[in-house]
Amino acid sequence: MKTKSIPSTTEAERLVVQRVGQDVFRKAIMEHWHGRCPLTGITDPALLRASHIVPWAECETDALRLDVHNGLLLSALWDAAFEAGLVSFDDRGRPLRSPTITQAAAEQLYVQSAGQLKLTKVHLANLARHRAKHGFLHEGPIMASQG
């Protein structure tokens, strides 16, 4: 074993920029979605993510960063897929599948049988930005046979 290449320490001190209001956003999202992922039904807070539709870093204002209509309450797996642009939602709240997600991954997410989101007009505007950013061209759900 090469011990010379191992760092002398495995920790370092860093100056961190913390997102102020993230806890307020999460609480508001939990309340708005009644503490439940609308796609999976999961209610365990440790497995739920307050997902920004328009990412924090891309929000033009603090108000948008904290707006409950710029958020979804998703299970951790759905959140990861949404953040990566592998899934999105149409204007009826139905899941959309990116052509870049594998069939196996889509099946594990149960994209075709997932529930649908109840969305406001503000949600819809934010989701239009998400779909445009990630190249979703269709307004309707993408069928499992595609991709």
Protein backbone atom coordinates (compact mmCIF):
# COMPACT_ATOMS: atom_id res chain seq x y z
CA MET A 1 0.00 0.00 0.00
CA LYS A 2 1.30 3.43 -0.94
CA THR A 3 1.24 5.53 2.22
CA LYS A 4 3.30 8.41 0.88
CA SER A 5 0.42 9.61 -1.32
CA ILE A 6 -2.13 9.61 1.52
CA PRO A 7 -2.89 13.15 2.75
CA SER A 8 -1.77 13.93 6.29
CA THR A 9 -5.30 14.98 7.15
CA THR A 10 -8.70 14.13 5.72
CA GLU A 11 -10.43 17.30 6.87
CA ALA A 12 -10.07 20.96 5.99
CA GLU A 13 -11.68 24.14 7.25
CA ARG A 14 -13.67 26.08 4.66
CA LEU A 15 -15.61 29.31 4.52
CA VAL A 16 -19.16 28.31 3.55
CA VAL A 17 -21.90 30.41 1.99
CA GLN A 18 -25.13 29.16 3.53
CA ARG A 19 -28.52 29.48 1.88
CA VAL A 20 -30.51 31.71 4.20
CA GLY A 21 -34.16 30.76 4.19
CA GLN A 22 -33.75 27.18 3.00
CA ASP A 23 -35.42 25.93 6.18
CA VAL A 24 -38.32 28.35 5.64
CA PHE A 25 -38.67 27.12 2.05
CA ARG A 26 -38.68 23.47 3.13
CA LYS A 27 -41.31 24.08 5.81
CA ALA A 28 -43.54 25.94 3.33
CA ILE A 29 -43.12 23.17 0.73
CA MET A 30 -43.91 20.49 3.32
CA GLU A 31 -47.11 22.35 4.26
CA HIS A 32 -48.14 23.05 0.66
CA TRP A 33 -47.81 19.40 -0.37
CA HIS A 34 -49.22 18.12 2.96
CA GLY A 35 -45.95 16.37 3.87
CA ARG A 36 -46.36 13.83 1.07
CA CYS A 37 -44.64 13.19 -2.25
CA PRO A 38 -47.53 13.40 -4.71
CA LEU A 39 -45.90 10.84 -6.99
CA THR A 40 -44.93 8.10 -4.55
CA GLY A 41 -47.01 8.81 -1.46
CA ILE A 42 -43.88 8.79 0.72
CA THR A 43 -44.39 10.79 3.94
CA ASP A 44 -41.11 10.13 5.77
CA PRO A 45 -39.46 13.60 6.02
CA ALA A 46 -35.98 12.06 5.80
CA LEU A 47 -36.84 10.75 2.32
CA LEU A 48 -38.47 13.96 1.04
CA ARG A 49 -36.76 16.87 -0.71
CA ALA A 50 -38.03 20.41 -1.13
CA SER A 51 -37.07 20.67 -4.79
CA HIS A 52 -36.64 24.03 -6.47
CA ILE A 53 -38.15 24.10 -9.95
CA VAL A 54 -36.02 27.08 -10.96
CA PRO A 55 -32.73 26.28 -9.20
CA TRP A 56 -31.65 28.53 -6.32
CA ALA A 57 -28.63 29.83 -8.25
CA GLU A 58 -30.81 30.75 -11.26
CA CYS A 59 -33.48 32.65 -9.32
CA GLU A 60 -33.50 36.34 -10.17
CA THR A 61 -34.92 37.33 -6.79
CA ASP A 62 -34.97 36.13 -3.20
CA ALA A 63 -38.77 36.04 -3.47
CA LEU A 64 -38.54 33.41 -6.24
CA ARG A 65 -36.04 31.41 -4.20
CA LEU A 66 -38.50 31.17 -1.32
CA ASP A 67 -41.75 30.99 -3.33
CA VAL A 68 -43.71 27.84 -2.52
CA HIS A 69 -44.82 27.79 -6.18
CA ASN A 70 -41.19 27.38 -7.21
CA GLY A 71 -41.02 24.11 -5.35
CA LEU A 72 -42.13 20.51 -5.38
CA LEU A 73 -42.04 17.98 -2.56
CA LEU A 74 -40.44 14.92 -4.11
CA SER A 75 -39.01 11.68 -2.81
CA ALA A 76 -35.21 11.65 -2.92
CA LEU A 77 -35.07 9.54 -6.10
CA TRP A 78 -37.61 11.69 -7.95
CA ASP A 79 -35.78 14.81 -6.76
CA ALA A 80 -32.47 13.53 -8.15
CA ALA A 81 -34.08 12.70 -11.50
CA PHE A 82 -35.85 16.08 -11.64
CA GLU A 83 -32.73 18.05 -10.72
CA ALA A 84 -30.72 16.19 -13.36
CA GLY A 85 -33.36 16.97 -15.98
CA LEU A 86 -34.20 13.31 -16.52
CA VAL A 87 -37.86 13.97 -15.70
CA SER A 88 -40.10 17.00 -15.72
CA PHE A 89 -43.85 17.63 -15.66
CA ASP A 90 -46.33 18.77 -18.26
CA ASP A 91 -48.99 21.44 -17.71
CA ARG A 92 -51.39 18.82 -16.37
CA GLY A 93 -48.84 17.72 -13.76
CA ARG A 94 -48.05 14.43 -15.48
CA PRO A 95 -44.45 13.18 -15.46
CA LEU A 96 -42.39 13.65 -18.60
CA ARG A 97 -39.50 11.36 -19.36
CA SER A 98 -36.34 12.69 -20.96
CA PRO A 99 -35.01 10.66 -23.89
CA THR A 100 -31.71 10.55 -21.99
CA ILE A 101 -33.06 8.48 -19.09
CA THR A 102 -32.65 4.76 -19.55
CA GLN A 103 -35.70 2.55 -19.85
CA ALA A 104 -34.60 0.68 -16.70
CA ALA A 105 -34.34 3.90 -14.67
CA ALA A 106 -37.71 5.11 -15.95
CA GLU A 107 -39.26 1.79 -14.95
CA GLN A 108 -37.74 2.06 -11.45
CA LEU A 109 -39.32 5.51 -11.13
CA TYR A 110 -42.61 4.10 -12.47
CA VAL A 111 -42.79 7.16 -14.73
CA GLN A 112 -45.86 5.92 -16.58
CA SER A 113 -47.84 5.02 -13.46
CA ALA A 114 -46.77 7.88 -11.19
CA GLY A 115 -49.42 10.22 -9.92
CA GLN A 116 -49.87 13.71 -11.22
CA LEU A 117 -49.17 17.01 -9.52
CA LYS A 118 -51.79 19.62 -8.70
CA LEU A 119 -50.15 22.77 -10.00
CA THR A 120 -50.83 26.49 -9.87
CA LYS A 121 -50.26 28.96 -12.73
CA VAL A 122 -46.99 30.01 -11.07
CA HIS A 123 -45.86 26.37 -10.89
CA LEU A 124 -46.63 26.08 -14.61
CA ALA A 125 -44.49 29.10 -15.52
CA ASN A 126 -41.58 27.75 -13.48
CA LEU A 127 -41.97 24.26 -14.97
CA ALA A 128 -41.93 25.77 -18.47
CA ARG A 129 -38.46 27.13 -17.61
CA HIS A 130 -37.38 23.70 -16.32
CA ARG A 131 -38.61 21.95 -19.48
CA ALA A 132 -36.90 24.50 -21.73
CA LYS A 133 -33.63 24.25 -19.82
CA HIS A 134 -33.55 20.47 -20.09
CA GLY A 135 -34.78 20.19 -23.68
CA PHE A 136 -38.25 18.77 -23.15
CA LEU A 137 -40.02 19.42 -26.44
CA HIS A 138 -43.35 17.69 -25.81
CA GLU A 139 -46.22 19.01 -23.73
CA GLY A 140 -47.78 15.57 -23.20
CA PRO A 141 -46.28 12.58 -21.39
CA ILE A 142 -43.59 10.68 -23.25
CA MET A 143 -44.62 7.08 -23.62
CA ALA A 144 -42.50 4.25 -22.24
CA SER A 145 -41.89 2.86 -25.73
CA GLN A 146 -40.02 6.04 -26.71
CA GLY A 147 -36.40 6.66 -25.75
